[in-house]
Amino acid sequence: MVEDGLSRRMLRNETLLVLALSLGASALSALISFIGSVTKPGGLKDQAATLNSSAAPGRPWLDLAWQLFGIATALVPVALVAHLLLREGAGLRVIGFDRDRPRFDVVWGAVVAAAIGGTGLLLYLGARAAGGNLTVVPESLPDVWWKIPVLIASAVQNAVLEEVVVVGYLLRRLGQLGWTPMAALLAGSVLRGSYHLYQGIGGFFGNMAMGVIFVLLYRRWGRVGPLVAAHALIDIVAFVGYALLAGRVGWLPTA
């Protein structure tokens, strides 16, 4: 199969390179982290995985610079995907990441976030209680003025990176490479679960299930916009909610 002058081999290599520069590398890192966790004495629930941690403790302005640097560089693969899709003459609009239907994206994103967010929290708490998950600490930033804005920006960055690369781009490329819809769905869902393995078995299966749902919704709507909105809302609630509630409620595990 040839797409706009690109051979199957070139498309395959391009896809592998994009993943190696982004969430494929994250999946391998998470696998190594998971192996390290399960080989430590004691259960997984006695260990912690910390997100959004301070990069320069005691130096707030330098820490802010590092946080913004990390968020910006994490979005470089999205810029690469935009370039590669634009090379086809399509651009990000072909995967539904544009401003054509903002109301649709936000409203349905909120609906999906409400449906998945609560279920995900219950699954996390259950998996941790059963010893299948580490304690996930969504943030450990200092109490400074930029804390909440950085957490929101980090949540949006996660959403854009994952949904553009793992749903929109990957499904498009696998389809062009001749993969069946079921095989592409499984590949994307396993990848999503894999780069959450640092959380434990519960994180793997929970995010894999989320991946299946997101792929089905993408195929129905033809847009990643609502998925980006849903993912961003889920992470914003997780990050900011933890910052506001940690140590104040008994049901929320802390490190």
Protein backbone atom coordinates (compact mmCIF):
# COMPACT_ATOMS: atom_id res chain seq x y z
CA MET A 1 0.00 0.00 0.00
CA VAL A 2 1.30 3.46 -0.84
CA GLU A 3 0.00 6.65 0.77
CA ASP A 4 0.96 9.89 -0.98
CA GLY A 5 4.22 8.44 -2.23
CA LEU A 6 5.09 6.73 1.06
CA SER A 7 5.73 3.00 0.98
CA ARG A 8 4.40 0.60 3.59
CA ARG A 9 7.93 0.27 4.96
CA MET A 10 8.32 4.03 5.35
CA LEU A 11 4.95 4.32 7.09
CA ARG A 12 5.88 1.50 9.46
CA ASN A 13 9.25 3.03 10.27
CA GLU A 14 7.69 6.46 10.75
CA THR A 15 5.14 5.04 13.19
CA LEU A 16 7.81 3.20 15.18
CA LEU A 17 9.93 6.35 15.39
CA VAL A 18 7.01 8.47 16.62
CA LEU A 19 6.25 5.89 19.31
CA ALA A 20 9.91 5.54 20.24
CA LEU A 21 10.05 9.30 20.80
CA SER A 22 6.88 9.36 22.87
CA LEU A 23 4.57 6.83 24.48
CA GLY A 24 6.34 3.72 23.23
CA ALA A 25 9.37 4.80 25.24
CA SER A 26 7.07 5.57 28.17
CA ALA A 27 5.65 2.05 27.96
CA LEU A 28 9.12 0.49 28.16
CA SER A 29 10.05 2.77 31.05
CA ALA A 30 6.84 1.84 32.88
CA LEU A 31 7.51 -1.87 32.34
CA ILE A 32 11.00 -1.56 33.82
CA SER A 33 9.58 0.42 36.75
CA PHE A 34 6.88 -2.20 37.29
CA ILE A 35 9.40 -5.05 37.32
CA GLY A 36 11.45 -3.14 39.84
CA SER A 37 8.40 -2.59 42.03
CA VAL A 38 7.20 -6.21 42.09
CA THR A 39 10.69 -7.46 42.96
CA LYS A 40 10.91 -5.27 46.06
CA PRO A 41 9.98 -6.74 49.44
CA GLY A 42 6.39 -6.07 50.49
CA GLY A 43 3.29 -5.43 48.41
CA LEU A 44 2.74 -2.89 45.70
CA LYS A 45 0.36 -0.90 47.87
CA ASP A 46 3.25 -0.08 50.23
CA GLN A 47 5.08 1.68 47.39
CA ALA A 48 4.30 4.98 45.68
CA ALA A 49 4.47 6.43 42.16
CA THR A 50 4.71 10.22 42.19
CA LEU A 51 3.61 12.45 39.32
CA ASN A 52 4.17 16.18 38.90
CA SER A 53 7.00 16.37 41.40
CA SER A 54 9.30 19.30 42.10
CA ALA A 55 12.26 19.54 39.73
CA ALA A 56 14.18 22.17 41.72
CA PRO A 57 13.19 21.94 45.42
CA GLY A 58 13.55 25.17 47.32
CA ARG A 59 13.91 27.30 44.18
CA PRO A 60 10.32 28.12 43.06
CA TRP A 61 11.12 30.17 39.93
CA LEU A 62 13.66 27.64 38.65
CA ASP A 63 11.19 24.87 39.48
CA LEU A 64 8.51 26.67 37.45
CA ALA A 65 10.89 26.93 34.51
CA TRP A 66 11.58 23.19 34.68
CA GLN A 67 7.87 22.38 34.91
CA LEU A 68 7.06 24.47 31.83
CA PHE A 69 10.04 23.01 29.99
CA GLY A 70 8.82 19.47 30.73
CA ILE A 71 5.29 20.23 29.56
CA ALA A 72 6.50 21.90 26.35
CA THR A 73 8.97 19.16 25.40
CA ALA A 74 6.38 16.45 26.07
CA LEU A 75 4.26 18.03 23.32
CA VAL A 76 6.99 17.85 20.68
CA PRO A 77 5.73 14.44 19.42
CA VAL A 78 2.33 16.06 18.85
CA ALA A 79 4.00 18.74 16.73
CA LEU A 80 5.80 15.96 14.84
CA VAL A 81 2.51 14.15 14.22
CA ALA A 82 0.95 17.41 13.01
CA HIS A 83 3.86 17.83 10.58
CA LEU A 84 3.61 14.26 9.30
CA LEU A 85 -0.14 14.52 8.78
CA LEU A 86 0.24 17.90 7.11
CA ARG A 87 2.75 16.29 4.74
CA GLU A 88 -0.13 14.08 3.58
CA GLY A 89 -2.15 17.20 2.88
CA ALA A 90 -4.45 16.41 5.81
CA GLY A 91 -3.17 17.91 9.06
CA LEU A 92 -4.65 17.40 12.51
CA ARG A 93 -8.13 18.13 11.16
CA VAL A 94 -8.23 14.64 9.65
CA ILE A 95 -8.23 13.15 13.18
CA GLY A 96 -10.65 15.72 14.55
CA PHE A 97 -8.21 17.80 16.58
CA ASP A 98 -9.30 21.27 15.50
CA ARG A 99 -11.69 24.07 16.44
CA ASP A 100 -14.51 23.10 14.09
CA ARG A 101 -16.84 21.73 16.81
CA PRO A 102 -15.73 23.13 20.19
CA ARG A 103 -19.14 22.82 21.86
CA PHE A 104 -19.49 19.18 20.77
CA ASP A 105 -15.98 18.37 21.99
CA VAL A 106 -16.41 19.99 25.41
CA VAL A 107 -19.93 18.72 26.12
CA TRP A 108 -19.26 15.12 25.14
CA GLY A 109 -15.85 15.28 26.76
CA ALA A 110 -17.50 16.24 30.04
CA VAL A 111 -20.02 13.40 29.70
CA VAL A 112 -17.27 10.85 29.07
CA ALA A 113 -15.14 12.24 31.90
CA ALA A 114 -18.05 11.96 34.34
CA ALA A 115 -18.73 8.37 33.29
CA ILE A 116 -15.10 7.19 33.36
CA GLY A 117 -13.66 9.33 36.15
CA GLY A 118 -15.72 7.92 39.01
CA THR A 119 -15.36 4.36 37.78
CA GLY A 120 -11.61 4.83 37.44
CA LEU A 121 -11.28 6.09 41.00
CA LEU A 122 -13.20 3.11 42.38
CA LEU A 123 -11.07 0.74 40.31
CA TYR A 124 -7.87 2.36 41.58
CA LEU A 125 -8.96 2.18 45.21
CA GLY A 126 -10.06 -1.44 44.78
CA ALA A 127 -6.85 -2.47 43.00
CA ARG A 128 -4.72 -0.79 45.66
CA ALA A 129 -6.66 -2.46 48.47
CA ALA A 130 -6.14 -5.81 46.75
CA GLY A 131 -2.41 -5.19 46.46
CA GLY A 132 -2.41 -4.79 42.67
CA ASN A 133 -1.53 -1.10 42.56
CA LEU A 134 1.05 1.25 43.98
CA THR A 135 -0.11 4.37 45.77
CA VAL A 136 -0.36 6.99 43.04
CA VAL A 137 0.60 10.46 44.24
CA PRO A 138 -0.71 12.82 41.54
CA GLU A 139 1.39 15.75 42.69
CA SER A 140 4.04 16.77 45.20
CA LEU A 141 4.65 20.34 44.10
CA PRO A 142 5.42 23.09 46.63
CA ASP A 143 2.58 25.37 47.77
CA VAL A 144 3.36 28.29 45.46
CA TRP A 145 1.17 30.52 43.31
CA TRP A 146 1.81 28.57 40.08
CA LYS A 147 0.99 25.14 41.49
CA ILE A 148 -2.62 24.84 40.27
CA PRO A 149 -1.97 26.39 36.81
CA VAL A 150 0.94 23.99 36.27
CA LEU A 151 -1.18 21.01 37.32
CA ILE A 152 -3.89 22.05 34.86
CA ALA A 153 -1.33 22.53 32.09
CA SER A 154 0.17 19.12 32.86
CA ALA A 155 -3.26 17.51 32.65
CA VAL A 156 -3.96 19.13 29.27
CA GLN A 157 -0.52 18.08 28.00
CA ASN A 158 -1.16 14.45 28.98
CA ALA A 159 -4.52 14.51 27.23
CA VAL A 160 -3.27 16.05 24.00
CA LEU A 161 -0.23 13.77 23.76
CA GLU A 162 -2.04 10.52 24.48
CA GLU A 163 -5.18 11.04 22.41
CA VAL A 164 -3.48 12.59 19.38
CA VAL A 165 -0.70 9.97 19.24
CA VAL A 166 -2.36 6.78 20.56
CA VAL A 167 -5.83 7.26 19.10
CA GLY A 168 -5.78 9.62 16.14
CA TYR A 169 -2.33 9.08 14.66
CA LEU A 170 -1.75 5.43 15.55
CA LEU A 171 -5.15 4.23 14.34
CA ARG A 172 -4.72 6.13 11.09
CA ARG A 173 -1.29 4.67 10.43
CA LEU A 174 -2.27 1.11 11.39
CA GLY A 175 -5.24 1.36 9.05
CA GLN A 176 -2.97 2.54 6.25
CA LEU A 177 -0.67 -0.40 7.00
CA GLY A 178 -3.54 -2.83 6.53
CA TRP A 179 -4.28 -3.72 10.14
CA THR A 180 -7.82 -4.87 10.88
CA PRO A 181 -9.96 -2.59 13.07
CA MET A 182 -9.88 -5.14 15.91
CA ALA A 183 -6.10 -5.53 15.76
CA ALA A 184 -5.63 -1.76 15.78
CA LEU A 185 -8.01 -1.40 18.73
CA LEU A 186 -6.11 -4.03 20.71
CA ALA A 187 -2.71 -2.52 19.85
CA GLY A 188 -3.72 0.98 20.92
CA SER A 189 -5.40 -0.24 24.11
CA VAL A 190 -2.47 -2.45 25.15
CA LEU A 191 -0.09 0.45 24.49
CA ARG A 192 -2.20 2.75 26.69
CA GLY A 193 -2.25 0.19 29.46
CA SER A 194 1.48 -0.46 29.12
CA TYR A 195 2.66 3.09 29.75
CA HIS A 196 0.54 3.11 32.92
CA LEU A 197 2.19 -0.06 34.27
CA TYR A 198 4.21 2.06 36.69
CA GLN A 199 0.96 2.22 38.69
CA GLY A 200 0.68 -1.58 38.89
CA ILE A 201 -1.63 -4.22 37.42
CA GLY A 202 -4.73 -2.17 38.17
CA GLY A 203 -3.30 0.78 36.24
CA PHE A 204 -2.58 -1.47 33.26
CA PHE A 205 -6.02 -3.05 32.97
CA GLY A 206 -7.94 0.08 33.92
CA ASN A 207 -6.25 2.18 31.25
CA MET A 208 -6.49 -0.63 28.73
CA ALA A 209 -10.26 -0.65 29.24
CA MET A 210 -10.29 3.13 28.87
CA GLY A 211 -8.36 2.70 25.63
CA VAL A 212 -11.00 0.35 24.22
CA ILE A 213 -13.76 2.82 25.07
CA PHE A 214 -11.87 5.77 23.59
CA VAL A 215 -11.15 3.93 20.33
CA LEU A 216 -14.82 2.99 19.95
CA LEU A 217 -15.89 6.59 20.63
CA TYR A 218 -13.31 7.89 18.16
CA ARG A 219 -14.63 5.58 15.47
CA ARG A 220 -18.15 6.74 16.19
CA TRP A 221 -17.38 10.46 16.22
CA GLY A 222 -14.33 10.66 13.96
CA ARG A 223 -12.81 13.17 16.36
CA VAL A 224 -10.18 13.07 19.09
CA GLY A 225 -11.41 16.46 20.36
CA PRO A 226 -13.95 15.02 22.84
CA LEU A 227 -11.39 12.46 24.02
CA VAL A 228 -8.81 15.17 24.68
CA ALA A 229 -11.42 17.15 26.62
CA ALA A 230 -12.47 14.07 28.63
CA HIS A 231 -8.91 13.04 29.43
CA ALA A 232 -7.96 16.58 30.41
CA LEU A 233 -10.96 16.88 32.75
CA ILE A 234 -10.20 13.51 34.37
CA ASP A 235 -6.58 14.47 35.01
CA ILE A 236 -7.43 17.99 36.19
CA VAL A 237 -9.82 16.57 38.78
CA ALA A 238 -7.21 13.99 39.83
CA PHE A 239 -4.30 16.43 40.08
CA VAL A 240 -6.07 19.45 41.55
CA GLY A 241 -8.40 17.31 43.68
CA TYR A 242 -5.42 15.55 45.24
CA ALA A 243 -3.69 18.88 45.89
CA LEU A 244 -6.78 20.15 47.72
CA LEU A 245 -7.84 16.97 49.53
CA ALA A 246 -4.67 15.00 50.37
CA GLY A 247 -4.37 14.63 54.11
CA ARG A 248 -7.85 16.09 54.65
CA VAL A 249 -9.97 13.02 53.80
CA GLY A 250 -9.41 9.51 55.07
CA TRP A 251 -10.36 7.59 51.90
CA LEU A 252 -7.65 9.16 49.69
CA PRO A 253 -4.36 7.20 49.95
CA THR A 254 -1.20 9.26 50.42
CA ALA A 255 2.43 8.26 50.30
